[in-house]
């Protein structure tokens, strides 16, 4: 069997078909949380690139009110998740879904509230598992304990954690106001690995001040680490962000489509072939997108990528000397 299903890289689609014999579709959710980079614990401005929606522009609001633990809210969570699933009703998509807690920091809340959210999603029919986007500095012992319980209570469902690393370079991390050093990411990765929770790492390509060798250093670092998955994200400039101010003042360069694809292909070629690539570009809500304008046509970007990969005979891991797994 072709593990990659005809693609020159190991996509999430291929992984799901291999593992669940079907394509799984993500339902993006907004759990009404916040972030230590927004609530004043670390900062009040958020990361440089992060919009008011907490990187969840396409997420549904699953709770209309405050943080309450009532049965009514539990029913509301299920109702809103069902509403998200219903959007696929006019497409011949199948019936397998991932509940994706996307907006803001989705472990940054009271444990009873998190427990309510995660259980509601995992109990929903046709949801095969949950993917929780969060920060590595928001994974204390109580959260790890909850994840361990969920893994035990739902052996037929998966629990994934998505960590926003973006870059391994401390200078860049300070500039984008990430708010934690690399060692915090490494500790979180190690602790999640110890309890058997797969980790998906977010990387932004084209961050200000990072040349190609620096970006490849981040990719090679992840190839040594070998997380379950990686999201390769194009840097978007969105309205209302501090990155917009930097861009409009001429301090930030956004690559052309051709430049981005050249970088992306080199990253794919330097990424360990066992790592599942969950994303190769990214989305920005059309009304909020400042740059790059070419990213509005996602289908064209993907078609261009696949064409260039085929033309160059490039495949995931081609440029990599396969290293031993290196857990920090």
Foldseek 3Di string as FASTA:
>chain_A
DPQCVPFQAFAPQSVCCVPVVFGAAEAEAEAPDAECCCPVVQHNAAFQQADPQQQRPPHDYQDDDDQDLDPVSLVSNLVRSVVSQCVCVVPPGDQAYEYEHGHHALLPDDLSSSLSNQVSQLPHPRYQEYEGEHELVSCDPSNLVSVLVVCVVCVRHAYAYEYEPQFQDPVLCVVRVVPDHPVSVLVSVLSCVVSPHAYEYEHEPQRQPDDLVRSLVRLLVCLQQVTQAYEYEYRFHWPPGNVVVCVVVPNGDHDDLVVLLVSLLVSQLNHHRNHHYHYRYDDDPPVTTDDDPVVVPVVVSVVVSRVVCVVVVGHGNNPYDRDHHDRD
